[in-house]
Protein backbone atom coordinates (compact mmCIF):
# COMPACT_ATOMS: atom_id res chain seq x y z
CA MET A 1 116.89 94.17 127.42
CA PHE A 2 114.42 96.62 125.75
CA LYS A 3 117.34 98.32 123.77
CA ALA A 4 118.27 94.95 121.98
CA LEU A 5 114.65 94.38 121.60
CA ILE A 6 114.21 97.79 119.92
CA GLU A 7 117.37 97.30 117.80
CA ARG A 8 116.36 93.60 116.51
CA LEU A 9 112.87 95.22 115.63
CA MET A 10 114.50 97.77 113.43
CA LEU A 11 116.62 95.69 111.89
CA ILE A 12 113.86 93.23 111.03
CA THR A 13 111.46 95.76 109.98
CA PHE A 14 113.85 97.93 107.71
CA THR A 15 116.38 95.08 106.45
CA PRO A 16 114.73 91.78 106.93
CA ALA A 17 117.26 89.88 104.71
CA LYS A 18 120.13 91.38 106.67
CA ALA A 19 118.32 90.49 109.95
CA TRP A 20 117.88 86.97 108.89
CA LEU A 21 121.47 86.70 107.91
CA GLU A 22 122.30 87.94 111.57
CA ILE A 23 119.95 85.31 113.05
CA ILE A 24 121.71 82.52 111.24
CA LYS A 25 125.33 84.02 112.38
CA GLU A 26 124.26 84.42 115.96
CA ASN A 27 122.68 81.01 115.86
CA PRO A 28 120.25 81.54 119.09
CA LYS A 29 118.84 79.07 121.31
CA GLU A 30 114.90 79.29 121.11
CA THR A 31 114.85 79.94 125.03
CA ASP A 32 117.06 83.06 124.39
CA VAL A 33 114.64 84.34 121.66
CA ARG A 34 111.54 83.57 123.69
CA ASN A 35 113.11 84.95 127.04
CA ASN A 36 114.78 87.90 125.53
CA TYR A 37 112.54 88.93 122.53
CA VAL A 38 109.08 87.38 122.16
CA PHE A 39 107.89 87.31 125.88
CA PRO A 40 109.07 90.82 126.73
CA PHE A 41 107.33 91.81 123.57
CA MET A 42 104.18 90.07 124.72
CA GLY A 43 104.50 91.59 128.18
CA LEU A 44 104.80 95.05 126.78
CA ILE A 45 101.73 94.59 124.74
CA ALA A 46 99.79 93.20 127.62
CA PHE A 47 100.95 96.22 129.68
CA ALA A 48 99.78 98.54 126.68
CA SER A 49 96.46 96.73 126.58
CA PHE A 50 96.10 97.26 130.31
CA LEU A 51 96.79 100.85 130.06
CA GLY A 52 94.73 101.37 127.08
CA ALA A 53 91.68 99.87 128.95
CA MET A 54 92.30 101.83 132.11
CA ILE A 55 92.54 105.08 130.44
CA PHE A 56 89.95 104.91 127.47
CA GLY A 57 87.79 102.22 129.11
CA GLU A 58 83.91 102.70 128.87
CA GLU A 59 82.95 101.38 132.37
CA ASP A 60 81.07 103.53 134.89
CA THR A 61 83.09 103.12 137.72
CA PHE A 62 86.90 102.75 138.59
CA ASN A 63 86.61 99.23 139.69
CA LEU A 64 84.82 98.15 136.54
CA ASN A 65 87.51 99.81 134.48
CA VAL A 66 90.17 97.84 136.61
CA GLN A 67 88.47 94.58 136.08
CA HIS A 68 88.09 95.24 132.50
CA ALA A 69 91.65 96.48 131.88
CA VAL A 70 92.81 93.18 133.79
CA ILE A 71 90.66 90.90 131.62
CA LYS A 72 91.57 92.70 128.42
CA SER A 73 95.32 92.25 129.18
CA CYS A 74 95.28 88.72 130.17
CA VAL A 75 93.35 87.72 126.79
CA THR A 76 95.74 89.73 124.80
CA PHE A 77 98.70 88.04 126.50
CA VAL A 78 97.19 84.58 126.41
CA SER A 79 96.32 85.11 122.81
CA LEU A 80 100.05 86.09 121.86
CA PHE A 81 101.22 83.50 123.93
CA ALA A 82 99.25 80.53 122.78
CA GLY A 83 99.45 81.91 119.31
CA PHE A 84 103.25 81.91 119.42
CA PHE A 85 103.31 78.24 120.44
CA LEU A 86 100.51 77.15 118.02
CA ALA A 87 102.27 78.83 115.10
CA SER A 88 105.38 77.28 115.97
CA PHE A 89 103.85 73.66 116.50
CA VAL A 90 101.80 74.06 113.09
CA LEU A 91 104.75 75.22 111.39
CA ASN A 92 107.01 72.52 112.62
CA GLU A 93 104.50 70.09 111.41
CA ILE A 94 104.32 71.34 107.60
CA VAL A 95 108.02 72.00 107.05
CA GLU A 96 108.23 68.30 105.91
CA LYS A 97 105.76 69.06 103.18
CA PHE A 98 108.57 71.32 101.84
CA LYS A 99 111.17 68.67 101.99
CA LEU A 100 112.56 70.53 105.28
CA GLU A 101 113.77 68.84 108.79
CA LYS A 102 111.21 69.24 111.39
CA ASN A 103 112.85 71.03 114.53
CA LEU A 104 110.55 72.81 116.92
CA GLN A 105 113.39 75.00 118.24
CA HIS A 106 113.95 76.24 114.81
CA SER A 107 110.31 77.12 114.23
CA GLN A 108 110.05 79.00 117.28
CA ILE A 109 112.85 81.11 116.49
CA PHE A 110 111.46 81.72 113.36
CA VAL A 111 107.80 82.30 114.41
CA GLY A 112 109.30 84.89 117.19
CA TYR A 113 111.10 86.74 114.83
CA ALA A 114 108.58 86.66 111.95
CA SER A 115 105.99 88.11 114.40
CA SER A 116 107.83 91.13 115.08
CA ILE A 117 105.76 93.49 112.86
CA LEU A 118 102.61 91.78 114.24
CA TYR A 119 104.10 92.57 117.87
CA ALA A 120 105.08 95.98 117.21
CA ILE A 121 101.68 97.06 115.50
CA ASP A 122 99.51 95.34 118.49
CA LEU A 123 101.77 97.38 121.04
CA VAL A 124 100.77 100.56 119.28
CA LEU A 125 96.91 99.59 118.75
CA GLU A 126 96.45 98.26 122.20
CA LEU A 127 97.43 101.68 123.83
CA GLN A 128 94.19 103.30 122.06
CA LEU A 129 95.96 106.61 122.15
CA ILE A 130 94.57 107.53 118.85
CA PRO A 131 91.62 105.43 117.52
CA GLU A 132 92.30 106.54 114.17
CA PHE A 133 95.37 104.28 114.20
CA PHE A 134 93.26 101.27 113.10
CA PHE A 135 94.87 101.79 109.50
CA LEU A 136 98.11 100.51 110.94
CA GLN A 137 96.53 96.92 110.64
CA ILE A 138 97.34 97.05 106.97
CA PHE A 139 100.93 97.03 107.88
CA ILE A 140 100.66 93.64 109.47
CA PHE A 141 101.07 92.24 105.96
CA TYR A 142 104.46 93.62 105.78
CA THR A 143 104.91 90.24 107.74
CA VAL A 144 104.62 88.56 104.52
CA TYR A 145 107.56 90.29 103.14
CA VAL A 146 109.82 89.46 106.39
CA ILE A 147 108.84 85.89 105.73
CA TRP A 148 109.80 86.04 101.93
CA GLU A 149 112.94 87.61 102.82
CA SER A 150 113.69 84.67 105.28
CA VAL A 151 113.23 82.01 102.59
CA GLY A 152 116.64 81.11 101.14
CA ILE A 153 118.21 82.36 104.33
CA TYR A 154 116.53 80.93 107.31
CA TYR A 155 114.54 78.20 105.60
CA SER A 156 116.01 76.60 102.31
CA VAL A 157 113.01 75.96 100.41
CA VAL A 158 113.14 75.12 96.68
CA GLU A 159 112.38 78.04 94.45
CA GLU A 160 109.22 76.68 92.85
CA ARG A 161 107.63 75.95 96.13
CA ARG A 162 108.84 79.33 97.70
CA VAL A 163 105.50 81.21 97.10
CA LEU A 164 103.50 78.45 98.67
CA PHE A 165 105.73 78.38 101.72
CA VAL A 166 105.44 82.13 102.20
CA ALA A 167 101.76 81.92 101.84
CA VAL A 168 101.17 79.02 104.16
CA THR A 169 103.70 80.45 106.76
CA SER A 170 102.32 83.76 106.68
CA LEU A 171 98.89 82.40 107.19
CA ILE A 172 99.92 80.65 110.22
CA VAL A 173 102.11 83.26 111.90
CA LEU A 174 99.26 85.88 111.29
CA ALA A 175 96.29 83.80 112.01
CA ALA A 176 97.45 82.00 115.36
CA PRO A 177 97.14 84.76 117.88
CA SER A 178 93.81 85.77 116.46
CA LEU A 179 92.28 82.19 116.60
CA ILE A 180 93.35 81.93 120.25
CA GLU A 181 91.65 85.34 120.92
CA VAL A 182 88.47 84.29 118.98
CA ALA A 183 88.39 81.05 120.79
CA LEU A 184 88.93 82.64 124.33
CA LYS A 185 86.01 85.13 123.64
CA TYR A 186 83.97 82.23 122.60
CA LEU A 187 84.72 79.85 125.57
CA LEU A 188 84.41 82.94 127.95
CA PRO A 189 81.24 84.56 126.88
CA GLY A 190 81.95 87.72 129.38
CA VAL A 191 85.20 88.52 128.03
CA SER A 192 85.19 91.41 125.22
């Protein structure tokens, strides 16, 4: 399973247009994408978050470090999980504005694969191995290019509306997990 996940990530990262063509040819079910790509990625990121907090935690005792690590990994997983579904739902609601057919399953597949760069960078950053890796966050904006390449292949948006579609979709995909994380930290004050 992880070999296929890495292969798909590499394809989306280095040749997004080819990746979107393959995704169209495969015609995957949204459950396959979720269960074999999105959820394993989220699990890896949550595990990386746990390890990063355990190894580089700032707590005084082991018990507090474990507690902090568990909370951090749960917040990370819930943010990604809820962010995925929020982005899928919002995207599904706005596609009609671009004269596209509403299809939640189609939106979930799109959001799952379009979030690949975000997931890969989160995986590296959550490990906290080298704090100076914060500069990797700039590469999150490569997601915009991955989405740009999908237009005309995965979503058939008229050329005049392409830039707007890419901008709105990119904002949705990139902001949804962060919004959920901010909401969790606001609603649960002890979580940091």
